[in-house]
mmCIF file of all heavy atoms, coordinates in Angstrom:
data_MODEL
# 
_entry.id   MODEL 
# 
loop_
_atom_site.group_PDB 
_atom_site.id 
_atom_site.type_symbol 
_atom_site.label_atom_id 
_atom_site.label_alt_id 
_atom_site.label_comp_id 
_atom_site.label_asym_id 
_atom_site.label_entity_id 
_atom_site.label_seq_id 
_atom_site.pdbx_PDB_ins_code 
_atom_site.Cartn_x 
_atom_site.Cartn_y 
_atom_site.Cartn_z 
_atom_site.occupancy 
_atom_site.B_iso_or_equiv 
_atom_site.pdbx_formal_charge 
_atom_site.auth_seq_id 
_atom_site.auth_comp_id 
_atom_site.auth_asym_id 
_atom_site.auth_atom_id 
_atom_site.pdbx_PDB_model_num 
ATOM 1   N N   . PRO A 1 1  ? -54.805 -15.878 -56.183 1.00 0.00 ? 1  PRO A N   1 
ATOM 2   C CA  . PRO A 1 1  ? -54.257 -14.634 -56.735 1.00 0.00 ? 1  PRO A CA  1 
ATOM 3   C C   . PRO A 1 1  ? -53.627 -13.786 -55.638 1.00 0.00 ? 1  PRO A C   1 
ATOM 4   O O   . PRO A 1 1  ? -54.018 -13.869 -54.472 1.00 0.00 ? 1  PRO A O   1 
ATOM 5   C CB  . PRO A 1 1  ? -55.490 -13.951 -57.337 1.00 0.00 ? 1  PRO A CB  1 
ATOM 6   C CG  . PRO A 1 1  ? -56.651 -14.515 -56.583 1.00 0.00 ? 1  PRO A CG  1 
ATOM 7   C CD  . PRO A 1 1  ? -56.271 -15.939 -56.272 1.00 0.00 ? 1  PRO A CD  1 
ATOM 8   N N   . PRO A 1 2  ? -52.645 -12.956 -55.997 1.00 0.00 ? 2  PRO A N   1 
ATOM 9   C CA  . PRO A 1 2  ? -51.966 -12.133 -54.990 1.00 0.00 ? 2  PRO A CA  1 
ATOM 10  C C   . PRO A 1 2  ? -52.881 -11.132 -54.294 1.00 0.00 ? 2  PRO A C   1 
ATOM 11  O O   . PRO A 1 2  ? -52.651 -10.772 -53.147 1.00 0.00 ? 2  PRO A O   1 
ATOM 12  C CB  . PRO A 1 2  ? -50.871 -11.428 -55.797 1.00 0.00 ? 2  PRO A CB  1 
ATOM 13  C CG  . PRO A 1 2  ? -51.298 -11.549 -57.231 1.00 0.00 ? 2  PRO A CG  1 
ATOM 14  C CD  . PRO A 1 2  ? -52.062 -12.826 -57.313 1.00 0.00 ? 2  PRO A CD  1 
ATOM 15  N N   . ASP A 1 3  ? -53.939 -10.661 -54.973 1.00 0.00 ? 3  ASP A N   1 
ATOM 16  C CA  . ASP A 1 3  ? -54.931 -9.791  -54.345 1.00 0.00 ? 3  ASP A CA  1 
ATOM 17  C C   . ASP A 1 3  ? -56.216 -9.859  -55.167 1.00 0.00 ? 3  ASP A C   1 
ATOM 18  O O   . ASP A 1 3  ? -56.241 -10.427 -56.264 1.00 0.00 ? 3  ASP A O   1 
ATOM 19  C CB  . ASP A 1 3  ? -54.433 -8.346  -54.220 1.00 0.00 ? 3  ASP A CB  1 
ATOM 20  C CG  . ASP A 1 3  ? -54.101 -7.741  -55.569 1.00 0.00 ? 3  ASP A CG  1 
ATOM 21  O OD1 . ASP A 1 3  ? -55.024 -7.529  -56.377 1.00 0.00 ? 3  ASP A OD1 1 
ATOM 22  O OD2 . ASP A 1 3  ? -52.906 -7.481  -55.822 1.00 0.00 ? 3  ASP A OD2 1 
ATOM 23  N N   . SER A 1 4  ? -57.285 -9.277  -54.644 1.00 0.00 ? 4  SER A N   1 
ATOM 24  C CA  . SER A 1 4  ? -58.604 -9.423  -55.256 1.00 0.00 ? 4  SER A CA  1 
ATOM 25  C C   . SER A 1 4  ? -58.717 -8.762  -56.626 1.00 0.00 ? 4  SER A C   1 
ATOM 26  O O   . SER A 1 4  ? -59.560 -9.130  -57.432 1.00 0.00 ? 4  SER A O   1 
ATOM 27  C CB  . SER A 1 4  ? -59.678 -8.851  -54.317 1.00 0.00 ? 4  SER A CB  1 
ATOM 28  O OG  . SER A 1 4  ? -59.435 -7.473  -54.076 1.00 0.00 ? 4  SER A OG  1 
ATOM 29  N N   . ASP A 1 5  ? -57.873 -7.756  -56.909 1.00 0.00 ? 5  ASP A N   1 
ATOM 30  C CA  . ASP A 1 5  ? -57.949 -7.047  -58.177 1.00 0.00 ? 5  ASP A CA  1 
ATOM 31  C C   . ASP A 1 5  ? -56.866 -7.483  -59.165 1.00 0.00 ? 5  ASP A C   1 
ATOM 32  O O   . ASP A 1 5  ? -56.712 -6.868  -60.226 1.00 0.00 ? 5  ASP A O   1 
ATOM 33  C CB  . ASP A 1 5  ? -57.832 -5.539  -57.946 1.00 0.00 ? 5  ASP A CB  1 
ATOM 34  C CG  . ASP A 1 5  ? -59.068 -4.970  -57.255 1.00 0.00 ? 5  ASP A CG  1 
ATOM 35  O OD1 . ASP A 1 5  ? -60.167 -5.500  -57.525 1.00 0.00 ? 5  ASP A OD1 1 
ATOM 36  O OD2 . ASP A 1 5  ? -58.922 -4.023  -56.472 1.00 0.00 ? 5  ASP A OD2 1 
ATOM 37  N N   . ALA A 1 6  ? -56.125 -8.538  -58.825 1.00 0.00 ? 6  ALA A N   1 
ATOM 38  C CA  . ALA A 1 6  ? -54.993 -8.927  -59.676 1.00 0.00 ? 6  ALA A CA  1 
ATOM 39  C C   . ALA A 1 6  ? -55.437 -9.302  -61.084 1.00 0.00 ? 6  ALA A C   1 
ATOM 40  O O   . ALA A 1 6  ? -54.856 -8.844  -62.073 1.00 0.00 ? 6  ALA A O   1 
ATOM 41  C CB  . ALA A 1 6  ? -54.235 -10.085 -59.029 1.00 0.00 ? 6  ALA A CB  1 
ATOM 42  N N   . LEU A 1 7  ? -56.475 -10.133 -61.190 1.00 0.00 ? 7  LEU A N   1 
ATOM 43  C CA  . LEU A 1 7  ? -56.923 -10.559 -62.508 1.00 0.00 ? 7  LEU A CA  1 
ATOM 44  C C   . LEU A 1 7  ? -57.422 -9.370  -63.323 1.00 0.00 ? 7  LEU A C   1 
ATOM 45  O O   . LEU A 1 7  ? -57.123 -9.241  -64.515 1.00 0.00 ? 7  LEU A O   1 
ATOM 46  C CB  . LEU A 1 7  ? -58.017 -11.617 -62.383 1.00 0.00 ? 7  LEU A CB  1 
ATOM 47  C CG  . LEU A 1 7  ? -58.555 -12.177 -63.709 1.00 0.00 ? 7  LEU A CG  1 
ATOM 48  C CD1 . LEU A 1 7  ? -57.434 -12.790 -64.528 1.00 0.00 ? 7  LEU A CD1 1 
ATOM 49  C CD2 . LEU A 1 7  ? -59.648 -13.212 -63.442 1.00 0.00 ? 7  LEU A CD2 1 
ATOM 50  N N   . ARG A 1 8  ? -58.181 -8.489  -62.682 1.00 0.00 ? 8  ARG A N   1 
ATOM 51  C CA  . ARG A 1 8  ? -58.697 -7.309  -63.383 1.00 0.00 ? 8  ARG A CA  1 
ATOM 52  C C   . ARG A 1 8  ? -57.559 -6.452  -63.920 1.00 0.00 ? 8  ARG A C   1 
ATOM 53  O O   . ARG A 1 8  ? -57.609 -5.964  -65.063 1.00 0.00 ? 8  ARG A O   1 
ATOM 54  C CB  . ARG A 1 8  ? -59.561 -6.485  -62.429 1.00 0.00 ? 8  ARG A CB  1 
ATOM 55  C CG  . ARG A 1 8  ? -60.194 -5.260  -63.071 1.00 0.00 ? 8  ARG A CG  1 
ATOM 56  C CD  . ARG A 1 8  ? -61.008 -4.482  -62.069 1.00 0.00 ? 8  ARG A CD  1 
ATOM 57  N NE  . ARG A 1 8  ? -62.048 -5.284  -61.469 1.00 0.00 ? 8  ARG A NE  1 
ATOM 58  C CZ  . ARG A 1 8  ? -62.835 -4.874  -60.481 1.00 0.00 ? 8  ARG A CZ  1 
ATOM 59  N NH1 . ARG A 1 8  ? -62.667 -3.645  -59.979 1.00 0.00 ? 8  ARG A NH1 1 
ATOM 60  N NH2 . ARG A 1 8  ? -63.759 -5.663  -59.993 1.00 0.00 ? 8  ARG A NH2 1 
ATOM 61  N N   . SER A 1 9  ? -56.513 -6.307  -63.135 1.00 0.00 ? 9  SER A N   1 
ATOM 62  C CA  . SER A 1 9  ? -55.363 -5.499  -63.556 1.00 0.00 ? 9  SER A CA  1 
ATOM 63  C C   . SER A 1 9  ? -54.665 -6.110  -64.765 1.00 0.00 ? 9  SER A C   1 
ATOM 64  O O   . SER A 1 9  ? -54.300 -5.411  -65.724 1.00 0.00 ? 9  SER A O   1 
ATOM 65  C CB  . SER A 1 9  ? -54.370 -5.354  -62.401 1.00 0.00 ? 9  SER A CB  1 
ATOM 66  O OG  . SER A 1 9  ? -54.951 -4.672  -61.313 1.00 0.00 ? 9  SER A OG  1 
ATOM 67  N N   . HIS A 1 10 ? -54.488 -7.421  -64.739 1.00 0.00 ? 10 HIS A N   1 
ATOM 68  C CA  . HIS A 1 10 ? -53.808 -8.078  -65.852 1.00 0.00 ? 10 HIS A CA  1 
ATOM 69  C C   . HIS A 1 10 ? -54.678 -8.100  -67.106 1.00 0.00 ? 10 HIS A C   1 
ATOM 70  O O   . HIS A 1 10 ? -54.156 -8.015  -68.227 1.00 0.00 ? 10 HIS A O   1 
ATOM 71  C CB  . HIS A 1 10 ? -53.394 -9.486  -65.448 1.00 0.00 ? 10 HIS A CB  1 
ATOM 72  C CG  . HIS A 1 10 ? -52.256 -9.504  -64.469 1.00 0.00 ? 10 HIS A CG  1 
ATOM 73  N ND1 . HIS A 1 10 ? -50.987 -9.050  -64.790 1.00 0.00 ? 10 HIS A ND1 1 
ATOM 74  C CD2 . HIS A 1 10 ? -52.189 -9.919  -63.166 1.00 0.00 ? 10 HIS A CD2 1 
ATOM 75  C CE1 . HIS A 1 10 ? -50.193 -9.188  -63.738 1.00 0.00 ? 10 HIS A CE1 1 
ATOM 76  N NE2 . HIS A 1 10 ? -50.896 -9.707  -62.750 1.00 0.00 ? 10 HIS A NE2 1 
ATOM 77  N N   . LEU A 1 11 ? -55.997 -8.186  -66.940 1.00 0.00 ? 11 LEU A N   1 
ATOM 78  C CA  . LEU A 1 11 ? -56.890 -8.085  -68.086 1.00 0.00 ? 11 LEU A CA  1 
ATOM 79  C C   . LEU A 1 11 ? -56.806 -6.694  -68.714 1.00 0.00 ? 11 LEU A C   1 
ATOM 80  O O   . LEU A 1 11 ? -56.811 -6.553  -69.947 1.00 0.00 ? 11 LEU A O   1 
ATOM 81  C CB  . LEU A 1 11 ? -58.337 -8.374  -67.657 1.00 0.00 ? 11 LEU A CB  1 
ATOM 82  C CG  . LEU A 1 11 ? -58.725 -9.845  -67.525 1.00 0.00 ? 11 LEU A CG  1 
ATOM 83  C CD1 . LEU A 1 11 ? -60.037 -9.967  -66.768 1.00 0.00 ? 11 LEU A CD1 1 
ATOM 84  C CD2 . LEU A 1 11 ? -58.852 -10.504 -68.898 1.00 0.00 ? 11 LEU A CD2 1 
ATOM 85  N N   . TYR A 1 12 ? -56.722 -5.675  -67.876 1.00 0.00 ? 12 TYR A N   1 
ATOM 86  C CA  . TYR A 1 12 ? -56.578 -4.310  -68.376 1.00 0.00 ? 12 TYR A CA  1 
ATOM 87  C C   . TYR A 1 12 ? -55.289 -4.173  -69.185 1.00 0.00 ? 12 TYR A C   1 
ATOM 88  O O   . TYR A 1 12 ? -55.288 -3.616  -70.296 1.00 0.00 ? 12 TYR A O   1 
ATOM 89  C CB  . TYR A 1 12 ? -56.572 -3.317  -67.207 1.00 0.00 ? 12 TYR A CB  1 
ATOM 90  C CG  . TYR A 1 12 ? -56.287 -1.895  -67.624 1.00 0.00 ? 12 TYR A CG  1 
ATOM 91  C CD1 . TYR A 1 12 ? -57.292 -1.082  -68.144 1.00 0.00 ? 12 TYR A CD1 1 
ATOM 92  C CD2 . TYR A 1 12 ? -55.004 -1.371  -67.509 1.00 0.00 ? 12 TYR A CD2 1 
ATOM 93  C CE1 . TYR A 1 12 ? -57.025 0.227   -68.546 1.00 0.00 ? 12 TYR A CE1 1 
ATOM 94  C CE2 . TYR A 1 12 ? -54.725 -0.071  -67.903 1.00 0.00 ? 12 TYR A CE2 1 
ATOM 95  C CZ  . TYR A 1 12 ? -55.737 0.721   -68.419 1.00 0.00 ? 12 TYR A CZ  1 
ATOM 96  O OH  . TYR A 1 12 ? -55.472 2.009   -68.817 1.00 0.00 ? 12 TYR A OH  1 
ATOM 97  N N   . ASN A 1 13 ? -54.190 -4.713  -68.650 1.00 0.00 ? 13 ASN A N   1 
ATOM 98  C CA  . ASN A 1 13 ? -52.909 -4.633  -69.357 1.00 0.00 ? 13 ASN A CA  1 
ATOM 99  C C   . ASN A 1 13 ? -52.959 -5.396  -70.685 1.00 0.00 ? 13 ASN A C   1 
ATOM 100 O O   . ASN A 1 13 ? -52.399 -4.941  -71.693 1.00 0.00 ? 13 ASN A O   1 
ATOM 101 C CB  . ASN A 1 13 ? -51.787 -5.192  -68.479 1.00 0.00 ? 13 ASN A CB  1 
ATOM 102 C CG  . ASN A 1 13 ? -51.498 -4.312  -67.285 1.00 0.00 ? 13 ASN A CG  1 
ATOM 103 O OD1 . ASN A 1 13 ? -51.762 -3.105  -67.315 1.00 0.00 ? 13 ASN A OD1 1 
ATOM 104 N ND2 . ASN A 1 13 ? -50.946 -4.898  -66.230 1.00 0.00 ? 13 ASN A ND2 1 
ATOM 105 N N   . LEU A 1 14 ? -53.624 -6.552  -70.682 1.00 0.00 ? 14 LEU A N   1 
ATOM 106 C CA  . LEU A 1 14 ? -53.753 -7.328  -71.913 1.00 0.00 ? 14 LEU A CA  1 
ATOM 107 C C   . LEU A 1 14 ? -54.544 -6.551  -72.956 1.00 0.00 ? 14 LEU A C   1 
ATOM 108 O O   . LEU A 1 14 ? -54.171 -6.501  -74.142 1.00 0.00 ? 14 LEU A O   1 
ATOM 109 C CB  . LEU A 1 14 ? -54.426 -8.670  -71.619 1.00 0.00 ? 14 LEU A CB  1 
ATOM 110 C CG  . LEU A 1 14 ? -54.725 -9.551  -72.838 1.00 0.00 ? 14 LEU A CG  1 
ATOM 111 C CD1 . LEU A 1 14 ? -53.442 -9.909  -73.582 1.00 0.00 ? 14 LEU A CD1 1 
ATOM 112 C CD2 . LEU A 1 14 ? -55.465 -10.823 -72.406 1.00 0.00 ? 14 LEU A CD2 1 
ATOM 113 N N   . ARG A 1 15 ? -55.633 -5.932  -72.534 1.00 0.00 ? 15 ARG A N   1 
ATOM 114 C CA  . ARG A 1 15 ? -56.454 -5.154  -73.470 1.00 0.00 ? 15 ARG A CA  1 
ATOM 115 C C   . ARG A 1 15 ? -55.672 -3.950  -74.016 1.00 0.00 ? 15 ARG A C   1 
ATOM 116 O O   . ARG A 1 15 ? -55.808 -3.594  -75.194 1.00 0.00 ? 15 ARG A O   1 
ATOM 117 C CB  . ARG A 1 15 ? -57.740 -4.700  -72.788 1.00 0.00 ? 15 ARG A CB  1 
ATOM 118 C CG  . ARG A 1 15 ? -58.746 -5.835  -72.556 1.00 0.00 ? 15 ARG A CG  1 
ATOM 119 C CD  . ARG A 1 15 ? -60.004 -5.324  -71.893 1.00 0.00 ? 15 ARG A CD  1 
ATOM 120 N NE  . ARG A 1 15 ? -61.060 -6.305  -71.897 1.00 0.00 ? 15 ARG A NE  1 
ATOM 121 C CZ  . ARG A 1 15 ? -61.632 -6.791  -70.792 1.00 0.00 ? 15 ARG A CZ  1 
ATOM 122 N NH1 . ARG A 1 15 ? -61.240 -6.371  -69.590 1.00 0.00 ? 15 ARG A NH1 1 
ATOM 123 N NH2 . ARG A 1 15 ? -62.597 -7.693  -70.876 1.00 0.00 ? 15 ARG A NH2 1 
ATOM 124 N N   . GLN A 1 16 ? -54.885 -3.307  -73.161 1.00 0.00 ? 16 GLN A N   1 
ATOM 125 C CA  . GLN A 1 16 ? -54.094 -2.161  -73.623 1.00 0.00 ? 16 GLN A CA  1 
ATOM 126 C C   . GLN A 1 16 ? -53.121 -2.573  -74.720 1.00 0.00 ? 16 GLN A C   1 
ATOM 127 O O   . GLN A 1 16 ? -52.908 -1.835  -75.685 1.00 0.00 ? 16 GLN A O   1 
ATOM 128 C CB  . GLN A 1 16 ? -53.326 -1.549  -72.449 1.00 0.00 ? 16 GLN A CB  1 
ATOM 129 C CG  . GLN A 1 16 ? -54.188 -0.803  -71.440 1.00 0.00 ? 16 GLN A CG  1 
ATOM 130 C CD  . GLN A 1 16 ? -54.781 0.463   -72.036 1.00 0.00 ? 16 GLN A CD  1 
ATOM 131 O OE1 . GLN A 1 16 ? -55.953 0.502   -72.387 1.00 0.00 ? 16 GLN A OE1 1 
ATOM 132 N NE2 . GLN A 1 16 ? -53.969 1.491   -72.166 1.00 0.00 ? 16 GLN A NE2 1 
ATOM 133 N N   . ALA A 1 17 ? -52.539 -3.754  -74.586 1.00 0.00 ? 17 ALA A N   1 
ATOM 134 C CA  . ALA A 1 17 ? -51.536 -4.201  -75.557 1.00 0.00 ? 17 ALA A CA  1 
ATOM 135 C C   . ALA A 1 17 ? -52.150 -4.852  -76.784 1.00 0.00 ? 17 ALA A C   1 
ATOM 136 O O   . ALA A 1 17 ? -51.691 -4.642  -77.911 1.00 0.00 ? 17 ALA A O   1 
ATOM 137 C CB  . ALA A 1 17 ? -50.568 -5.180  -74.883 1.00 0.00 ? 17 ALA A CB  1 
ATOM 138 N N   . LEU A 1 18 ? -53.215 -5.644  -76.577 1.00 0.00 ? 18 LEU A N   1 
ATOM 139 C CA  . LEU A 1 18 ? -53.757 -6.467  -77.656 1.00 0.00 ? 18 LEU A CA  1 
ATOM 140 C C   . LEU A 1 18 ? -54.918 -5.802  -78.387 1.00 0.00 ? 18 LEU A C   1 
ATOM 141 O O   . LEU A 1 18 ? -55.117 -6.041  -79.580 1.00 0.00 ? 18 LEU A O   1 
ATOM 142 C CB  . LEU A 1 18 ? -54.226 -7.811  -77.087 1.00 0.00 ? 18 LEU A CB  1 
ATOM 143 C CG  . LEU A 1 18 ? -54.687 -8.863  -78.091 1.00 0.00 ? 18 LEU A CG  1 
ATOM 144 C CD1 . LEU A 1 18 ? -53.501 -9.349  -78.921 1.00 0.00 ? 18 LEU A CD1 1 
ATOM 145 C CD2 . LEU A 1 18 ? -55.341 -10.040 -77.375 1.00 0.00 ? 18 LEU A CD2 1 
ATOM 146 N N   . ASP A 1 19 ? -55.692 -4.973  -77.696 1.00 0.00 ? 19 ASP A N   1 
ATOM 147 C CA  . ASP A 1 19 ? -56.905 -4.390  -78.280 1.00 0.00 ? 19 ASP A CA  1 
ATOM 148 C C   . ASP A 1 19 ? -56.753 -2.935  -78.707 1.00 0.00 ? 19 ASP A C   1 
ATOM 149 O O   . ASP A 1 19 ? -57.113 -2.560  -79.833 1.00 0.00 ? 19 ASP A O   1 
ATOM 150 C CB  . ASP A 1 19 ? -58.064 -4.494  -77.289 1.00 0.00 ? 19 ASP A CB  1 
ATOM 151 C CG  . ASP A 1 19 ? -58.547 -5.930  -77.105 1.00 0.00 ? 19 ASP A CG  1 
ATOM 152 O OD1 . ASP A 1 19 ? -58.211 -6.777  -77.953 1.00 0.00 ? 19 ASP A OD1 1 
ATOM 153 O OD2 . ASP A 1 19 ? -59.259 -6.194  -76.123 1.00 0.00 ? 19 ASP A OD2 1 
ATOM 154 N N   . ARG A 1 20 ? -56.245 -2.117  -77.818 1.00 0.00 ? 20 ARG A N   1 
ATOM 155 C CA  . ARG A 1 20 ? -56.248 -0.668  -78.055 1.00 0.00 ? 20 ARG A CA  1 
ATOM 156 C C   . ARG A 1 20 ? -55.557 -0.266  -79.363 1.00 0.00 ? 20 ARG A C   1 
ATOM 157 O O   . ARG A 1 20 ? -56.104 0.559   -80.116 1.00 0.00 ? 20 ARG A O   1 
ATOM 158 C CB  . ARG A 1 20 ? -55.610 0.044   -76.872 1.00 0.00 ? 20 ARG A CB  1 
ATOM 159 C CG  . ARG A 1 20 ? -55.720 1.565   -76.961 1.00 0.00 ? 20 ARG A CG  1 
ATOM 160 C CD  . ARG A 1 20 ? -55.213 2.225   -75.699 1.00 0.00 ? 20 ARG A CD  1 
ATOM 161 N NE  . ARG A 1 20 ? -55.336 3.681   -75.774 1.00 0.00 ? 20 ARG A NE  1 
ATOM 162 C CZ  . ARG A 1 20 ? -54.945 4.512   -74.830 1.00 0.00 ? 20 ARG A CZ  1 
ATOM 163 N NH1 . ARG A 1 20 ? -54.406 4.017   -73.715 1.00 0.00 ? 20 ARG A NH1 1 
ATOM 164 N NH2 . ARG A 1 20 ? -55.087 5.805   -74.975 1.00 0.00 ? 20 ARG A NH2 1 
ATOM 165 N N   . PRO A 1 21 ? -54.386 -0.823  -79.716 1.00 0.00 ? 21 PRO A N   1 
ATOM 166 C CA  . PRO A 1 21 ? -53.726 -0.371  -80.944 1.00 0.00 ? 21 PRO A CA  1 
ATOM 167 C C   . PRO A 1 21 ? -54.435 -0.792  -82.230 1.00 0.00 ? 21 PRO A C   1 
ATOM 168 O O   . PRO A 1 21 ? -54.106 -0.288  -83.304 1.00 0.00 ? 21 PRO A O   1 
ATOM 169 C CB  . PRO A 1 21 ? -52.340 -1.046  -80.856 1.00 0.00 ? 21 PRO A CB  1 
ATOM 170 C CG  . PRO A 1 21 ? -52.168 -1.424  -79.421 1.00 0.00 ? 21 PRO A CG  1 
ATOM 171 C CD  . PRO A 1 21 ? -53.542 -1.760  -78.949 1.00 0.00 ? 21 PRO A CD  1 
ATOM 172 N N   . PHE A 1 22 ? -55.410 -1.704  -82.137 1.00 0.00 ? 22 PHE A N   1 
ATOM 173 C CA  . PHE A 1 22 ? -55.998 -2.275  -83.342 1.00 0.00 ? 22 PHE A CA  1 
ATOM 174 C C   . PHE A 1 22 ? -57.428 -1.795  -83.616 1.00 0.00 ? 22 PHE A C   1 
ATOM 175 O O   . PHE A 1 22 ? -58.057 -2.248  -84.564 1.00 0.00 ? 22 PHE A O   1 
ATOM 176 C CB  . PHE A 1 22 ? -55.965 -3.798  -83.265 1.00 0.00 ? 22 PHE A CB  1 
ATOM 177 C CG  . PHE A 1 22 ? -54.567 -4.343  -83.245 1.00 0.00 ? 22 PHE A CG  1 
ATOM 178 C CD1 . PHE A 1 22 ? -53.891 -4.521  -82.049 1.00 0.00 ? 22 PHE A CD1 1 
ATOM 179 C CD2 . PHE A 1 22 ? -53.914 -4.637  -84.435 1.00 0.00 ? 22 PHE A CD2 1 
ATOM 180 C CE1 . PHE A 1 22 ? -52.588 -5.004  -82.037 1.00 0.00 ? 22 PHE A CE1 1 
ATOM 181 C CE2 . PHE A 1 22 ? -52.614 -5.126  -84.429 1.00 0.00 ? 22 PHE A CE2 1 
ATOM 182 C CZ  . PHE A 1 22 ? -51.950 -5.299  -83.222 1.00 0.00 ? 22 PHE A CZ  1 
ATOM 183 N N   . GLY A 1 23 ? -57.932 -0.910  -82.761 1.00 0.00 ? 23 GLY A N   1 
ATOM 184 C CA  . GLY A 1 23 ? -59.209 -0.278  -83.061 1.00 0.00 ? 23 GLY A CA  1 
ATOM 185 C C   . GLY A 1 23 ? -60.443 -1.033  -82.625 1.00 0.00 ? 23 GLY A C   1 
ATOM 186 O O   . GLY A 1 23 ? -61.524 -0.457  -82.566 1.00 0.00 ? 23 GLY A O   1 
ATOM 187 N N   . HIS A 1 24 ? -60.337 -2.323  -82.331 1.00 0.00 ? 24 HIS A N   1 
ATOM 188 C CA  . HIS A 1 24 ? -61.494 -3.065  -81.820 1.00 0.00 ? 24 HIS A CA  1 
ATOM 189 C C   . HIS A 1 24 ? -61.005 -4.136  -80.854 1.00 0.00 ? 24 HIS A C   1 
ATOM 190 O O   . HIS A 1 24 ? -59.957 -4.749  -81.051 1.00 0.00 ? 24 HIS A O   1 
ATOM 191 C CB  . HIS A 1 24 ? -62.323 -3.691  -82.949 1.00 0.00 ? 24 HIS A CB  1 
ATOM 192 C CG  . HIS A 1 24 ? -61.566 -4.673  -83.789 1.00 0.00 ? 24 HIS A CG  1 
ATOM 193 N ND1 . HIS A 1 24 ? -60.869 -4.299  -84.911 1.00 0.00 ? 24 HIS A ND1 1 
ATOM 194 C CD2 . HIS A 1 24 ? -61.400 -6.010  -83.667 1.00 0.00 ? 24 HIS A CD2 1 
ATOM 195 C CE1 . HIS A 1 24 ? -60.311 -5.356  -85.467 1.00 0.00 ? 24 HIS A CE1 1 
ATOM 196 N NE2 . HIS A 1 24 ? -60.606 -6.417  -84.727 1.00 0.00 ? 24 HIS A NE2 1 
ATOM 197 N N   . GLY A 1 25 ? -61.773 -4.314  -79.792 1.00 0.00 ? 25 GLY A N   1 
ATOM 198 C CA  . GLY A 1 25 ? -61.382 -5.248  -78.750 1.00 0.00 ? 25 GLY A CA  1 
ATOM 199 C C   . GLY A 1 25 ? -61.838 -6.666  -79.033 1.00 0.00 ? 25 GLY A C   1 
ATOM 200 O O   . GLY A 1 25 ? -62.899 -6.883  -79.618 1.00 0.00 ? 25 GLY A O   1 
ATOM 201 N N   . VAL A 1 26 ? -61.023 -7.615  -78.607 1.00 0.00 ? 26 VAL A N   1 
ATOM 202 C CA  . VAL A 1 26 ? -61.395 -9.030  -78.733 1.00 0.00 ? 26 VAL A CA  1 
ATOM 203 C C   . VAL A 1 26 ? -61.437 -9.718  -77.367 1.00 0.00 ? 26 VAL A C   1 
ATOM 204 O O   . VAL A 1 26 ? -62.046 -10.784 -77.230 1.00 0.00 ? 26 VAL A O   1 
ATOM 205 C CB  . VAL A 1 26 ? -60.434 -9.785  -79.678 1.00 0.00 ? 26 VAL A CB  1 
ATOM 206 C CG1 . VAL A 1 26 ? -60.535 -9.213  -81.080 1.00 0.00 ? 26 VAL A CG1 1 
ATOM 207 C CG2 . VAL A 1 26 ? -58.995 -9.757  -79.176 1.00 0.00 ? 26 VAL A CG2 1 
ATOM 208 N N   . VAL A 1 27 ? -60.786 -9.135  -76.371 1.00 0.00 ? 27 VAL A N   1 
ATOM 209 C CA  . VAL A 1 27 ? -60.830 -9.690  -75.016 1.00 0.00 ? 27 VAL A CA  1 
ATOM 210 C C   . VAL A 1 27 ? -62.132 -9.231  -74.376 1.00 0.00 ? 27 VAL A C   1 
ATOM 211 O O   . VAL A 1 27 ? -62.329 -8.050  -74.115 1.00 0.00 ? 27 VAL A O   1 
ATOM 212 C CB  . VAL A 1 27 ? -59.616 -9.234  -74.184 1.00 0.00 ? 27 VAL A CB  1 
ATOM 213 C CG1 . VAL A 1 27 ? -59.694 -9.834  -72.777 1.00 0.00 ? 27 VAL A CG1 1 
ATOM 214 C CG2 . VAL A 1 27 ? -58.316 -9.627  -74.868 1.00 0.00 ? 27 VAL A CG2 1 
# 
């Protein structure tokens, strides 16, 4: 990975797009 927090950052972005608008998280 490009840095130690890269995966965490991309998981956050995925949750913002996939989970937040729908009221419940799946990731």
